[in-house]
């Protein structure tokens, strides 16, 4: 039995399973993809120096509300959260100094938006690299209005339907349109 849960964008981790890049990683067990796979036992670990970064490509621009960081014992005491529309020009939306690691939920300033979210670890708390279990990104909506179409997707059409599986449950996000799910019409 599959349960279907419908939720607003604000409740969905926009970073889950998206493309990740980093300035470095320590070894095969600490690659950047560990920070957004939904698995708290995997992690990204940078080279053993300051000013290393990790970045998630959300796939499209979103209005951003918050970022949740789950640090390993080797965390960044000083870091910036940065956003970009093009992965070339970045805006710093949050700066941490003397952070204590653990789990941090960071509320971003109103108007924060971007397709790329980067964490730049400016200073480490140990001689090891920066080590992060998860980086979750939450937002309220896409930056640009979305065209809803009942036609198959083409280069000129977009769909707001999003689905993902977490904890064995299928989540579907749909904005105000009638869709057929498993042969049944459902109104959201």
Foldseek 3Di string as FASTA:
>chain_A
DADEDEDAQQVDQLQAPFDKDKPAFDDPQAHLNQARPQDLVGKHFGAQDAFIKMKGQSVAKFFFFKKKWAFDQWAAQWKFKWAAAPVPDIDTFDIGHRDDHGIDIGTTDGPDMHRMIMITRGGIPDSTTHMTRYMTTTGRGGPDDAADDPDPDDPPHDAPWDWDDDPRHIYIYHPQDWDADPNRTDGD
